[in-house]
PDB file of N, CA and C in Angstrom:
ATOM      1  N   MET A   1     -46.532  21.081 -54.508  1.00  0.00           N
ATOM      2  CA  MET A   1     -47.176  20.369 -53.447  1.00  0.00           C
ATOM      3  C   MET A   1     -46.327  19.326 -52.776  1.00  0.00           C
ATOM      4  N   ASN A   2     -45.516  18.700 -53.399  1.00  0.00           N
ATOM      5  CA  ASN A   2     -44.603  17.755 -52.854  1.00  0.00           C
ATOM      6  C   ASN A   2     -43.314  18.391 -52.266  1.00  0.00           C
ATOM      7  N   LYS A   3     -43.057  19.663 -52.829  1.00  0.00           N
ATOM      8  CA  LYS A   3     -41.936  20.393 -52.269  1.00  0.00           C
ATOM      9  C   LYS A   3     -42.482  20.976 -50.785  1.00  0.00           C
ATOM     10  N   ILE A   4     -43.677  21.107 -50.602  1.00  0.00           N
ATOM     11  CA  ILE A   4     -44.249  21.706 -49.314  1.00  0.00           C
ATOM     12  C   ILE A   4     -44.288  20.712 -48.363  1.00  0.00           C
ATOM     13  N   ILE A   5     -44.701  19.350 -48.916  1.00  0.00           N
ATOM     14  CA  ILE A   5     -44.738  18.296 -47.854  1.00  0.00           C
ATOM     15  C   ILE A   5     -43.352  17.894 -47.381  1.00  0.00           C
ATOM     16  N   LEU A   6     -42.489  17.958 -48.468  1.00  0.00           N
ATOM     17  CA  LEU A   6     -41.034  17.567 -48.003  1.00  0.00           C
ATOM     18  C   LEU A   6     -40.368  18.726 -47.177  1.00  0.00           C
ATOM     19  N   LEU A   7     -40.680  19.958 -47.357  1.00  0.00           N
ATOM     20  CA  LEU A   7     -40.363  20.941 -46.471  1.00  0.00           C
ATOM     21  C   LEU A   7     -40.757  20.836 -45.004  1.00  0.00           C
ATOM     22  N   ILE A   8     -42.056  20.510 -44.919  1.00  0.00           N
ATOM     23  CA  ILE A   8     -42.739  20.222 -43.566  1.00  0.00           C
ATOM     24  C   ILE A   8     -42.169  19.169 -42.884  1.00  0.00           C
ATOM     25  N   VAL A   9     -41.791  18.052 -43.619  1.00  0.00           N
ATOM     26  CA  VAL A   9     -41.300  16.708 -43.055  1.00  0.00           C
ATOM     27  C   VAL A   9     -39.784  17.101 -42.605  1.00  0.00           C
ATOM     28  N   ALA A  10     -39.197  17.824 -43.414  1.00  0.00           N
ATOM     29  CA  ALA A  10     -37.627  18.210 -43.006  1.00  0.00           C
ATOM     30  C   ALA A  10     -37.633  18.980 -41.785  1.00  0.00           C
ATOM     31  N   THR A  11     -38.662  19.954 -41.578  1.00  0.00           N
ATOM     32  CA  THR A  11     -38.611  20.907 -40.466  1.00  0.00           C
ATOM     33  C   THR A  11     -38.991  20.155 -39.396  1.00  0.00           C
ATOM     34  N   VAL A  12     -39.951  19.210 -39.447  1.00  0.00           N
ATOM     35  CA  VAL A  12     -40.365  18.375 -38.211  1.00  0.00           C
ATOM     36  C   VAL A  12     -39.198  17.516 -37.686  1.00  0.00           C
ATOM     37  N   LEU A  13     -38.483  16.862 -38.631  1.00  0.00           N
ATOM     38  CA  LEU A  13     -37.300  16.127 -38.264  1.00  0.00           C
ATOM     39  C   LEU A  13     -36.163  16.827 -37.748  1.00  0.00           C
ATOM     40  N   LEU A  14     -35.835  18.121 -38.170  1.00  0.00           N
ATOM     41  CA  LEU A  14     -34.906  18.786 -37.701  1.00  0.00           C
ATOM     42  C   LEU A  14     -35.258  19.438 -36.287  1.00  0.00           C
ATOM     43  N   THR A  15     -36.573  19.783 -36.056  1.00  0.00           N
ATOM     44  CA  THR A  15     -36.686  20.440 -34.920  1.00  0.00           C
ATOM     45  C   THR A  15     -37.483  19.554 -33.728  1.00  0.00           C
ATOM     46  N   GLY A  16     -37.659  18.385 -34.210  1.00  0.00           N
ATOM     47  CA  GLY A  16     -38.418  17.355 -33.388  1.00  0.00           C
ATOM     48  C   GLY A  16     -37.565  16.977 -32.167  1.00  0.00           C
ATOM     49  N   CYS A  17     -36.375  16.947 -32.197  1.00  0.00           N
ATOM     50  CA  CYS A  17     -35.601  16.680 -31.016  1.00  0.00           C
ATOM     51  C   CYS A  17     -35.350  17.931 -30.075  1.00  0.00           C
ATOM     52  N   SER A  18     -35.539  18.963 -30.531  1.00  0.00           N
ATOM     53  CA  SER A  18     -35.273  20.281 -29.575  1.00  0.00           C
ATOM     54  C   SER A  18     -36.570  20.577 -28.967  1.00  0.00           C
ATOM     55  N   VAL A  19     -37.819  20.235 -29.477  1.00  0.00           N
ATOM     56  CA  VAL A  19     -39.077  20.624 -28.926  1.00  0.00           C
ATOM     57  C   VAL A  19     -39.323  20.129 -27.469  1.00  0.00           C
ATOM     58  N   GLY A  20     -38.974  18.845 -27.244  1.00  0.00           N
ATOM     59  CA  GLY A  20     -39.443  18.339 -26.228  1.00  0.00           C
ATOM     60  C   GLY A  20     -38.294  18.059 -25.212  1.00  0.00           C
ATOM     61  N   GLU A  21     -37.053  18.918 -25.604  1.00  0.00           N
ATOM     62  CA  GLU A  21     -35.941  18.824 -24.656  1.00  0.00           C
ATOM     63  C   GLU A  21     -36.111  19.175 -23.330  1.00  0.00           C
ATOM     64  N   LYS A  22     -35.630  18.370 -22.285  1.00  0.00           N
ATOM     65  CA  LYS A  22     -35.785  18.643 -20.882  1.00  0.00           C
ATOM     66  C   LYS A  22     -34.321  18.895 -20.444  1.00  0.00           C
ATOM     67  N   LYS A  23     -34.266  20.010 -19.530  1.00  0.00           N
ATOM     68  CA  LYS A  23     -33.149  20.383 -18.662  1.00  0.00           C
ATOM     69  C   LYS A  23     -32.741  19.359 -17.618  1.00  0.00           C
ATOM     70  N   ILE A  24     -31.713  18.954 -17.561  1.00  0.00           N
ATOM     71  CA  ILE A  24     -31.078  18.121 -16.396  1.00  0.00           C
ATOM     72  C   ILE A  24     -30.340  18.865 -15.523  1.00  0.00           C
ATOM     73  N   LYS A  25     -30.707  18.875 -14.233  1.00  0.00           N
ATOM     74  CA  LYS A  25     -30.080  19.572 -13.149  1.00  0.00           C
ATOM     75  C   LYS A  25     -28.877  18.493 -12.582  1.00  0.00           C
ATOM     76  N   ILE A  26     -27.726  18.949 -12.633  1.00  0.00           N
ATOM     77  CA  ILE A  26     -26.759  18.096 -11.998  1.00  0.00           C
ATOM     78  C   ILE A  26     -26.048  18.828 -10.735  1.00  0.00           C
ATOM     79  N   PHE A  27     -26.123  18.160  -9.633  1.00  0.00           N
ATOM     80  CA  PHE A  27     -25.489  18.633  -8.516  1.00  0.00           C
ATOM     81  C   PHE A  27     -24.736  17.587  -7.797  1.00  0.00           C
ATOM     82  N   SER A  28     -23.635  17.877  -6.990  1.00  0.00           N
ATOM     83  CA  SER A  28     -23.007  16.894  -6.397  1.00  0.00           C
ATOM     84  C   SER A  28     -22.988  16.793  -4.923  1.00  0.00           C
ATOM     85  N   VAL A  29     -23.030  15.830  -4.235  1.00  0.00           N
ATOM     86  CA  VAL A  29     -23.169  15.615  -2.722  1.00  0.00           C
ATOM     87  C   VAL A  29     -21.804  15.248  -2.390  1.00  0.00           C
ATOM     88  N   GLU A  30     -21.135  15.954  -1.430  1.00  0.00           N
ATOM     89  CA  GLU A  30     -19.923  15.526  -1.088  1.00  0.00           C
ATOM     90  C   GLU A  30     -20.154  14.493   0.033  1.00  0.00           C
ATOM     91  N   GLU A  31     -19.421  13.393  -0.215  1.00  0.00           N
ATOM     92  CA  GLU A  31     -19.358  12.324   0.778  1.00  0.00           C
ATOM     93  C   GLU A  31     -18.224  12.459   1.792  1.00  0.00           C
ATOM     94  N   PRO A  32     -18.687  12.209   2.970  1.00  0.00           N
ATOM     95  CA  PRO A  32     -17.486  12.421   4.027  1.00  0.00           C
ATOM     96  C   PRO A  32     -16.570  11.110   3.966  1.00  0.00           C
ATOM     97  N   ARG A  33     -15.443  11.304   4.343  1.00  0.00           N
ATOM     98  CA  ARG A  33     -14.404  10.369   4.145  1.00  0.00           C
ATOM     99  C   ARG A  33     -14.805   9.149   5.119  1.00  0.00           C
ATOM    100  N   GLN A  34     -14.548   8.078   4.727  1.00  0.00           N
ATOM    101  CA  GLN A  34     -14.681   6.871   5.471  1.00  0.00           C
ATOM    102  C   GLN A  34     -13.639   6.937   6.587  1.00  0.00           C
ATOM    103  N   LYS A  35     -13.937   6.387   7.735  1.00  0.00           N
ATOM    104  CA  LYS A  35     -13.052   6.491   8.772  1.00  0.00           C
ATOM    105  C   LYS A  35     -11.887   5.409   8.483  1.00  0.00           C
ATOM    106  N   LEU A  36     -10.756   5.755   8.697  1.00  0.00           N
ATOM    107  CA  LEU A  36      -9.561   4.986   8.425  1.00  0.00           C
ATOM    108  C   LEU A  36      -9.230   4.370   9.822  1.00  0.00           C
ATOM    109  N   ASP A  37      -9.906   3.194   9.971  1.00  0.00           N
ATOM    110  CA  ASP A  37      -9.604   2.596  11.360  1.00  0.00           C
ATOM    111  C   ASP A  37      -8.935   1.203  11.199  1.00  0.00           C
ATOM    112  N   TYR A  38      -7.752   1.243  10.641  1.00  0.00           N
ATOM    113  CA  TYR A  38      -6.833   0.027  10.481  1.00  0.00           C
ATOM    114  C   TYR A  38      -5.953   0.125  11.579  1.00  0.00           C
ATOM    115  N   PRO A  39      -5.587  -1.100  12.319  1.00  0.00           N
ATOM    116  CA  PRO A  39      -4.546  -1.131  13.313  1.00  0.00           C
ATOM    117  C   PRO A  39      -3.243  -0.897  12.617  1.00  0.00           C
ATOM    118  N   MET A  40      -2.269  -0.424  13.429  1.00  0.00           N
ATOM    119  CA  MET A  40      -0.877  -0.339  12.947  1.00  0.00           C
ATOM    120  C   MET A  40      -0.255  -1.734  12.968  1.00  0.00           C
ATOM    121  N   PRO A  41       0.527  -2.020  12.034  1.00  0.00           N
ATOM    122  CA  PRO A  41       0.941  -3.505  11.956  1.00  0.00           C
ATOM    123  C   PRO A  41       1.790  -3.701  13.166  1.00  0.00           C
ATOM    124  N   THR A  42       1.634  -4.892  13.586  1.00  0.00           N
ATOM    125  CA  THR A  42       2.476  -5.266  14.795  1.00  0.00           C
ATOM    126  C   THR A  42       3.933  -5.632  14.523  1.00  0.00           C
ATOM    127  N   PRO A  43       4.983  -5.388  15.175  1.00  0.00           N
ATOM    128  CA  PRO A  43       6.281  -5.695  14.981  1.00  0.00           C
ATOM    129  C   PRO A  43       6.396  -7.222  14.827  1.00  0.00           C
ATOM    130  N   LEU A  44       7.313  -7.663  13.888  1.00  0.00           N
ATOM    131  CA  LEU A  44       7.630  -9.031  13.722  1.00  0.00           C
ATOM    132  C   LEU A  44       8.229  -9.624  15.086  1.00  0.00           C
ATOM    133  N   GLN A  45       7.857 -10.776  15.352  1.00  0.00           N
ATOM    134  CA  GLN A  45       8.641 -11.541  16.317  1.00  0.00           C
ATOM    135  C   GLN A  45       9.478 -12.530  15.726  1.00  0.00           C
ATOM    136  N   MET A  46      10.718 -12.228  15.508  1.00  0.00           N
ATOM    137  CA  MET A  46      11.688 -13.082  14.779  1.00  0.00           C
ATOM    138  C   MET A  46      12.244 -14.074  15.602  1.00  0.00           C
ATOM    139  N   GLU A  47      12.432 -15.251  15.045  1.00  0.00           N
ATOM    140  CA  GLU A  47      13.104 -16.358  15.778  1.00  0.00           C
ATOM    141  C   GLU A  47      14.683 -15.979  15.888  1.00  0.00           C
ATOM    142  N   GLU A  48      15.182 -16.428  17.102  1.00  0.00           N
ATOM    143  CA  GLU A  48      16.653 -16.334  17.205  1.00  0.00           C
ATOM    144  C   GLU A  48      17.516 -17.172  16.483  1.00  0.00           C
ATOM    145  N   VAL A  49      18.299 -16.701  15.687  1.00  0.00           N
ATOM    146  CA  VAL A  49      19.271 -17.632  14.806  1.00  0.00           C
ATOM    147  C   VAL A  49      20.536 -17.647  15.428  1.00  0.00           C
ATOM    148  N   ARG A  50      21.130 -18.876  15.709  1.00  0.00           N
ATOM    149  CA  ARG A  50      22.426 -18.900  16.287  1.00  0.00           C
ATOM    150  C   ARG A  50      23.449 -19.156  15.081  1.00  0.00           C
ATOM    151  N   TRP A  51      24.456 -18.149  15.111  1.00  0.00           N
ATOM    152  CA  TRP A  51      25.486 -18.187  14.145  1.00  0.00           C
ATOM    153  C   TRP A  51      26.659 -18.924  14.829  1.00  0.00           C
ATOM    154  N   ILE A  52      27.412 -19.512  13.954  1.00  0.00           N
ATOM    155  CA  ILE A  52      28.516 -20.397  14.293  1.00  0.00           C
ATOM    156  C   ILE A  52      29.654 -19.971  13.294  1.00  0.00           C
ATOM    157  N   ILE A  53      30.622 -19.455  13.700  1.00  0.00           N
ATOM    158  CA  ILE A  53      31.713 -19.074  12.820  1.00  0.00           C
ATOM    159  C   ILE A  53      32.767 -20.180  12.812  1.00  0.00           C
ATOM    160  N   ILE A  54      32.854 -20.634  11.459  1.00  0.00           N
ATOM    161  CA  ILE A  54      33.761 -21.825  11.136  1.00  0.00           C
ATOM    162  C   ILE A  54      34.814 -21.245  10.333  1.00  0.00           C
ATOM    163  N   ASN A  55      36.144 -21.562  10.769  1.00  0.00           N
ATOM    164  CA  ASN A  55      37.246 -21.292   9.865  1.00  0.00           C
ATOM    165  C   ASN A  55      38.040 -22.457   9.833  1.00  0.00           C
ATOM    166  N   SER A  56      39.287 -22.330   9.302  1.00  0.00           N
ATOM    167  CA  SER A  56      40.071 -23.621   8.939  1.00  0.00           C
ATOM    168  C   SER A  56      40.506 -24.104  10.115  1.00  0.00           C
ATOM    169  N   GLU A  57      40.794 -23.057  11.293  1.00  0.00           N
ATOM    170  CA  GLU A  57      41.415 -23.638  12.489  1.00  0.00           C
ATOM    171  C   GLU A  57      40.358 -24.223  13.404  1.00  0.00           C
ATOM    172  N   ASN A  58      39.077 -23.898  13.553  1.00  0.00           N
ATOM    173  CA  ASN A  58      38.188 -24.489  14.447  1.00  0.00           C
ATOM    174  C   ASN A  58      37.272 -25.348  13.909  1.00  0.00           C
ATOM    175  N   ALA A  59      37.357 -25.826  12.535  1.00  0.00           N
ATOM    176  CA  ALA A  59      36.334 -26.469  11.970  1.00  0.00           C
ATOM    177  C   ALA A  59      36.055 -28.003  12.554  1.00  0.00           C
ATOM    178  N   ASP A  60      37.169 -28.621  12.867  1.00  0.00           N
ATOM    179  CA  ASP A  60      37.062 -29.990  13.493  1.00  0.00           C
ATOM    180  C   ASP A  60      36.350 -29.881  14.852  1.00  0.00           C
ATOM    181  N   GLU A  61      36.871 -28.884  15.614  1.00  0.00           N
ATOM    182  CA  GLU A  61      36.377 -28.653  16.869  1.00  0.00           C
ATOM    183  C   GLU A  61      34.752 -28.330  16.911  1.00  0.00           C
ATOM    184  N   VAL A  62      34.443 -27.744  15.886  1.00  0.00           N
ATOM    185  CA  VAL A  62      33.032 -27.114  15.972  1.00  0.00           C
ATOM    186  C   VAL A  62      32.099 -28.284  15.490  1.00  0.00           C
ATOM    187  N   PHE A  63      32.639 -29.064  14.389  1.00  0.00           N
ATOM    188  CA  PHE A  63      31.884 -30.332  14.056  1.00  0.00           C
ATOM    189  C   PHE A  63      31.778 -31.278  15.109  1.00  0.00           C
ATOM    190  N   LYS A  64      32.724 -31.447  15.936  1.00  0.00           N
ATOM    191  CA  LYS A  64      32.702 -32.499  17.098  1.00  0.00           C
ATOM    192  C   LYS A  64      31.669 -32.053  18.092  1.00  0.00           C
ATOM    193  N   LYS A  65      31.720 -30.823  18.573  1.00  0.00           N
ATOM    194  CA  LYS A  65      30.653 -30.273  19.330  1.00  0.00           C
ATOM    195  C   LYS A  65      29.308 -30.305  19.004  1.00  0.00           C
ATOM    196  N   LEU A  66      28.953 -30.041  17.515  1.00  0.00           N
ATOM    197  CA  LEU A  66      27.717 -30.302  17.049  1.00  0.00           C
ATOM    198  C   LEU A  66      27.160 -31.679  17.077  1.00  0.00           C
ATOM    199  N   GLU A  67      28.046 -32.607  16.823  1.00  0.00           N
ATOM    200  CA  GLU A  67      27.736 -33.956  16.766  1.00  0.00           C
ATOM    201  C   GLU A  67      27.497 -34.540  18.214  1.00  0.00           C
ATOM    202  N   GLU A  68      28.235 -33.955  19.238  1.00  0.00           N
ATOM    203  CA  GLU A  68      27.896 -34.386  20.638  1.00  0.00           C
ATOM    204  C   GLU A  68      26.521 -33.922  21.039  1.00  0.00           C
ATOM    205  N   GLN A  69      26.092 -32.771  20.479  1.00  0.00           N
ATOM    206  CA  GLN A  69      24.713 -32.297  20.771  1.00  0.00           C
ATOM    207  C   GLN A  69      23.693 -32.853  20.105  1.00  0.00           C
ATOM    208  N   GLY A  70      23.987 -33.822  19.084  1.00  0.00           N
ATOM    209  CA  GLY A  70      23.103 -34.515  18.356  1.00  0.00           C
ATOM    210  C   GLY A  70      22.629 -33.695  17.111  1.00  0.00           C
ATOM    211  N   ILE A  71      23.349 -32.756  16.794  1.00  0.00           N
ATOM    212  CA  ILE A  71      23.037 -32.085  15.678  1.00  0.00           C
ATOM    213  C   ILE A  71      23.928 -32.358  14.409  1.00  0.00           C
ATOM    214  N   ASP A  72      23.329 -32.599  13.380  1.00  0.00           N
ATOM    215  CA  ASP A  72      23.912 -32.997  12.143  1.00  0.00           C
ATOM    216  C   ASP A  72      24.490 -31.812  11.374  1.00  0.00           C
ATOM    217  N   PRO A  73      25.945 -31.756  11.405  1.00  0.00           N
ATOM    218  CA  PRO A  73      26.613 -30.567  10.931  1.00  0.00           C
ATOM    219  C   PRO A  73      26.563 -30.441   9.502  1.00  0.00           C
ATOM    220  N   VAL A  74      25.747 -29.265   9.194  1.00  0.00           N
ATOM    221  CA  VAL A  74      25.659 -29.051   7.644  1.00  0.00           C
ATOM    222  C   VAL A  74      26.074 -27.419   7.570  1.00  0.00           C
ATOM    223  N   LEU A  75      26.973 -27.265   6.407  1.00  0.00           N
ATOM    224  CA  LEU A  75      27.491 -25.926   6.213  1.00  0.00           C
ATOM    225  C   LEU A  75      26.469 -25.109   5.174  1.00  0.00           C
ATOM    226  N   PHE A  76      26.192 -23.865   5.615  1.00  0.00           N
ATOM    227  CA  PHE A  76      25.776 -22.872   4.553  1.00  0.00           C
ATOM    228  C   PHE A  76      26.733 -21.800   4.725  1.00  0.00           C
ATOM    229  N   GLY A  77      27.508 -21.697   3.656  1.00  0.00           N
ATOM    230  CA  GLY A  77      28.673 -20.677   3.691  1.00  0.00           C
ATOM    231  C   GLY A  77      28.334 -19.429   3.054  1.00  0.00           C
ATOM    232  N   LEU A  78      29.004 -18.395   3.713  1.00  0.00           N
ATOM    233  CA  LEU A  78      29.144 -17.170   3.168  1.00  0.00           C
ATOM    234  C   LEU A  78      30.508 -16.591   3.260  1.00  0.00           C
ATOM    235  N   THR A  79      31.033 -15.935   2.276  1.00  0.00           N
ATOM    236  CA  THR A  79      32.107 -15.162   2.398  1.00  0.00           C
ATOM    237  C   THR A  79      32.034 -13.963   3.164  1.00  0.00           C
ATOM    238  N   ASP A  80      33.043 -13.131   3.459  1.00  0.00           N
ATOM    239  CA  ASP A  80      32.903 -12.159   4.348  1.00  0.00           C
ATOM    240  C   ASP A  80      32.203 -10.926   3.439  1.00  0.00           C
ATOM    241  N   LYS A  81      32.541 -11.061   2.207  1.00  0.00           N
ATOM    242  CA  LYS A  81      31.789 -10.096   1.216  1.00  0.00           C
ATOM    243  C   LYS A  81      30.237 -10.455   1.187  1.00  0.00           C
ATOM    244  N   ASP A  82      29.945 -11.746   1.033  1.00  0.00           N
ATOM    245  CA  ASP A  82      28.472 -11.993   0.960  1.00  0.00           C
ATOM    246  C   ASP A  82      27.872 -11.674   2.294  1.00  0.00           C
ATOM    247  N   PHE A  83      28.437 -11.850   3.317  1.00  0.00           N
ATOM    248  CA  PHE A  83      27.990 -11.488   4.703  1.00  0.00           C
ATOM    249  C   PHE A  83      27.560 -10.003   4.714  1.00  0.00           C
ATOM    250  N   GLU A  84      28.446  -9.138   4.151  1.00  0.00           N
ATOM    251  CA  GLU A  84      28.346  -7.654   3.944  1.00  0.00           C
ATOM    252  C   GLU A  84      27.032  -7.326   3.193  1.00  0.00           C
ATOM    253  N   LEU A  85      26.883  -8.178   2.015  1.00  0.00           N
ATOM    254  CA  LEU A  85      25.794  -7.973   1.183  1.00  0.00           C
ATOM    255  C   LEU A  85      24.553  -8.237   1.886  1.00  0.00           C
ATOM    256  N   LEU A  86      24.533  -9.325   2.590  1.00  0.00           N
ATOM    257  CA  LEU A  86      23.275  -9.872   3.355  1.00  0.00           C
ATOM    258  C   LEU A  86      22.930  -8.800   4.468  1.00  0.00           C
ATOM    259  N   ALA A  87      23.874  -8.229   5.103  1.00  0.00           N
ATOM    260  CA  ALA A  87      23.588  -6.991   6.086  1.00  0.00           C
ATOM    261  C   ALA A  87      23.128  -5.787   5.318  1.00  0.00           C
ATOM    262  N   LYS A  88      23.525  -5.488   4.040  1.00  0.00           N
ATOM    263  CA  LYS A  88      23.038  -4.456   3.449  1.00  0.00           C
ATOM    264  C   LYS A  88      21.657  -4.484   3.018  1.00  0.00           C
ATOM    265  N   ASN A  89      21.337  -5.860   2.627  1.00  0.00           N
ATOM    266  CA  ASN A  89      19.868  -6.195   2.138  1.00  0.00           C
ATOM    267  C   ASN A  89      18.968  -5.977   3.510  1.00  0.00           C
ATOM    268  N   PHE A  90      19.386  -6.564   4.588  1.00  0.00           N
ATOM    269  CA  PHE A  90      18.588  -6.445   5.780  1.00  0.00           C
ATOM    270  C   PHE A  90      18.407  -4.865   6.128  1.00  0.00           C
ATOM    271  N   ALA A  91      19.403  -4.073   5.955  1.00  0.00           N
ATOM    272  CA  ALA A  91      19.273  -2.578   6.105  1.00  0.00           C
ATOM    273  C   ALA A  91      18.225  -2.087   5.217  1.00  0.00           C
ATOM    274  N   GLN A  92      18.282  -2.424   3.961  1.00  0.00           N
ATOM    275  CA  GLN A  92      17.244  -1.917   2.963  1.00  0.00           C
ATOM    276  C   GLN A  92      15.792  -2.459   3.399  1.00  0.00           C
ATOM    277  N   ILE A  93      15.712  -3.682   3.906  1.00  0.00           N
ATOM    278  CA  ILE A  93      14.319  -4.165   4.292  1.00  0.00           C
ATOM    279  C   ILE A  93      13.858  -3.115   5.488  1.00  0.00           C
ATOM    280  N   ARG A  94      14.768  -2.980   6.482  1.00  0.00           N
ATOM    281  CA  ARG A  94      14.519  -2.204   7.586  1.00  0.00           C
ATOM    282  C   ARG A  94      14.023  -0.597   7.131  1.00  0.00           C
ATOM    283  N   ALA A  95      14.791  -0.119   6.228  1.00  0.00           N
ATOM    284  CA  ALA A  95      14.391   1.176   5.691  1.00  0.00           C
ATOM    285  C   ALA A  95      13.068   1.126   5.109  1.00  0.00           C
ATOM    286  N   LYS A  96      12.978   0.302   4.354  1.00  0.00           N
ATOM    287  CA  LYS A  96      11.551   0.218   3.598  1.00  0.00           C
ATOM    288  C   LYS A  96      10.269   0.165   4.518  1.00  0.00           C
ATOM    289  N   LEU A  97      10.647  -0.829   5.715  1.00  0.00           N
ATOM    290  CA  LEU A  97       9.537  -1.009   6.624  1.00  0.00           C
ATOM    291  C   LEU A  97       9.227   0.415   7.375  1.00  0.00           C
ATOM    292  N   GLN A  98      10.294   0.991   7.600  1.00  0.00           N
ATOM    293  CA  GLN A  98      10.175   2.298   8.275  1.00  0.00           C
ATOM    294  C   GLN A  98       9.545   3.416   7.453  1.00  0.00           C
ATOM    295  N   GLU A  99       9.770   3.355   6.156  1.00  0.00           N
ATOM    296  CA  GLU A  99       9.227   4.096   5.193  1.00  0.00           C
ATOM    297  C   GLU A  99       7.581   3.872   5.184  1.00  0.00           C
ATOM    298  N   THR A 100       7.354   2.539   5.090  1.00  0.00           N
ATOM    299  CA  THR A 100       5.876   2.116   5.146  1.00  0.00           C
ATOM    300  C   THR A 100       5.204   2.535   6.326  1.00  0.00           C
ATOM    301  N   ASN A 101       5.796   2.528   7.390  1.00  0.00           N
ATOM    302  CA  ASN A 101       5.128   2.807   8.806  1.00  0.00           C
ATOM    303  C   ASN A 101       4.960   4.434   8.850  1.00  0.00           C
ATOM    304  N   ILE A 102       5.901   5.017   8.249  1.00  0.00           N
ATOM    305  CA  ILE A 102       5.756   6.535   8.193  1.00  0.00           C
ATOM    306  C   ILE A 102       4.650   7.061   7.397  1.00  0.00           C
ATOM    307  N   LEU A 103       4.468   6.290   6.079  1.00  0.00           N
ATOM    308  CA  LEU A 103       3.366   6.437   5.134  1.00  0.00           C
ATOM    309  C   LEU A 103       2.197   6.034   5.921  1.00  0.00           C
ATOM    310  N   LEU A 104       1.952   5.129   6.643  1.00  0.00           N
ATOM    311  CA  LEU A 104       0.675   4.852   7.294  1.00  0.00           C
ATOM    312  C   LEU A 104       0.272   5.825   8.413  1.00  0.00           C
ATOM    313  N   GLU A 105       1.359   6.305   9.157  1.00  0.00           N
ATOM    314  CA  GLU A 105       1.181   7.388   9.971  1.00  0.00           C
ATOM    315  C   GLU A 105       0.532   8.712   9.323  1.00  0.00           C
ATOM    316  N   GLU A 106       1.214   9.099   8.268  1.00  0.00           N
ATOM    317  CA  GLU A 106       0.694  10.247   7.545  1.00  0.00           C
ATOM    318  C   GLU A 106      -0.814  10.144   7.066  1.00  0.00           C
ATOM    319  N   TYR A 107      -1.256   8.937   6.448  1.00  0.00           N
ATOM    320  CA  TYR A 107      -2.518   8.621   5.968  1.00  0.00           C
ATOM    321  C   TYR A 107      -3.353   8.912   7.322  1.00  0.00           C
ATOM    322  N   LYS A 108      -3.063   8.167   8.325  1.00  0.00           N
ATOM    323  CA  LYS A 108      -3.769   8.236   9.608  1.00  0.00           C
ATOM    324  C   LYS A 108      -3.987   9.651  10.198  1.00  0.00           C
ATOM    325  N   LYS A 109      -2.938  10.456  10.053  1.00  0.00           N
ATOM    326  CA  LYS A 109      -3.061  11.811  10.494  1.00  0.00           C
ATOM    327  C   LYS A 109      -3.776  12.772   9.565  1.00  0.00           C
ATOM    328  N   TYR A 110      -3.721  12.511   8.163  1.00  0.00           N
ATOM    329  CA  TYR A 110      -4.508  13.179   7.334  1.00  0.00           C
ATOM    330  C   TYR A 110      -5.904  12.886   7.539  1.00  0.00           C
ATOM    331  N   TYR A 111      -6.259  11.704   7.657  1.00  0.00           N
ATOM    332  CA  TYR A 111      -7.708  11.489   7.960  1.00  0.00           C
ATOM    333  C   TYR A 111      -8.224  11.974   9.310  1.00  0.00           C
ATOM    334  N   GLU A 112      -7.500  11.987  10.279  1.00  0.00           N
ATOM    335  CA  GLU A 112      -7.931  12.328  11.491  1.00  0.00           C
ATOM    336  C   GLU A 112      -8.106  13.943  11.512  1.00  0.00           C
ATOM    337  N   GLU A 113      -7.126  14.531  10.871  1.00  0.00           N
ATOM    338  CA  GLU A 113      -7.145  16.065  10.732  1.00  0.00           C
ATOM    339  C   GLU A 113      -8.360  16.477  10.143  1.00  0.00           C
ATOM    340  N   TYR A 114      -8.678  15.793   8.896  1.00  0.00           N
ATOM    341  CA  TYR A 114      -9.897  16.120   8.220  1.00  0.00           C
ATOM    342  C   TYR A 114     -11.087  16.033   9.002  1.00  0.00           C
ATOM    343  N   GLU A 115     -11.289  14.898   9.723  1.00  0.00           N
ATOM    344  CA  GLU A 115     -12.435  14.542  10.622  1.00  0.00           C
ATOM    345  C   GLU A 115     -12.631  15.583  11.700  1.00  0.00           C
ATOM    346  N   SER A 116     -11.415  16.076  12.253  1.00  0.00           N
ATOM    347  CA  SER A 116     -11.386  17.104  13.342  1.00  0.00           C
ATOM    348  C   SER A 116     -11.907  18.454  12.791  1.00  0.00           C
ATOM    349  N   SER A 117     -11.320  18.704  11.633  1.00  0.00           N
ATOM    350  CA  SER A 117     -11.622  20.079  11.012  1.00  0.00           C
ATOM    351  C   SER A 117     -13.103  20.079  10.547  1.00  0.00           C
ATOM    352  N   GLU A 118     -13.606  18.987  10.243  1.00  0.00           N
ATOM    353  CA  GLU A 118     -14.982  18.905   9.685  1.00  0.00           C
ATOM    354  C   GLU A 118     -16.051  19.122  10.853  1.00  0.00           C
ATOM    355  N   LYS A 119     -15.663  18.545  12.089  1.00  0.00           N
ATOM    356  CA  LYS A 119     -16.319  18.593  13.182  1.00  0.00           C
ATOM    357  C   LYS A 119     -16.357  20.198  13.483  1.00  0.00           C
ATOM    358  N   VAL A 120     -15.259  20.719  13.490  1.00  0.00           N
ATOM    359  CA  VAL A 120     -15.303  22.176  13.923  1.00  0.00           C
ATOM    360  C   VAL A 120     -16.082  23.076  13.049  1.00  0.00           C
ATOM    361  N   ASP A 121     -15.943  22.786  11.663  1.00  0.00           N
ATOM    362  CA  ASP A 121     -16.839  23.406  10.680  1.00  0.00           C
ATOM    363  C   ASP A 121     -18.303  23.344  10.972  1.00  0.00           C
ATOM    364  N   ASN A 122     -18.590  22.196  11.353  1.00  0.00           N
ATOM    365  CA  ASN A 122     -19.986  21.887  11.601  1.00  0.00           C
ATOM    366  C   ASN A 122     -20.553  22.551  12.807  1.00  0.00           C
ATOM    367  N   LYS A 123     -19.730  22.601  13.864  1.00  0.00           N
ATOM    368  CA  LYS A 123     -20.091  23.205  15.149  1.00  0.00           C
ATOM    369  C   LYS A 123     -20.185  24.859  14.908  1.00  0.00           C
ATOM    370  N   SER A 124     -19.503  25.482  14.018  1.00  0.00           N
ATOM    371  CA  SER A 124     -19.503  26.782  13.716  1.00  0.00           C
ATOM    372  C   SER A 124     -20.707  27.356  12.847  1.00  0.00           C
ATOM    373  N   LYS A 125     -21.282  26.275  12.196  1.00  0.00           N
ATOM    374  CA  LYS A 125     -22.460  26.658  11.447  1.00  0.00           C
ATOM    375  C   LYS A 125     -23.764  26.861  12.147  1.00  0.00           C
TER     376      LYS A 125
END
């Protein structure tokens, strides 16, 4: 008798989960892409920097002119090699900005092409 009750309880426990099982239907709805409506970055408006070339021959003259203009002469020096490195750094910055602008243009084109092809598909249906 105990074996029969144990067998019935074991059967109920093992099959209990599958008796009331419900099927879940899964479906997906394609979300349309959000409109990419960001303005393109505006170009930088840089301040004009005045470069004064000072060498051993004109140093006294340049300092005198600056003092006459009420400017306290202070030197920030670069060697010719350092100036070349500075120019290379600015060239790399310009190249990176151009690369970023191209990337933004490609994203914009991608989204606009998708939206226009989606409109054509909807009209043909």
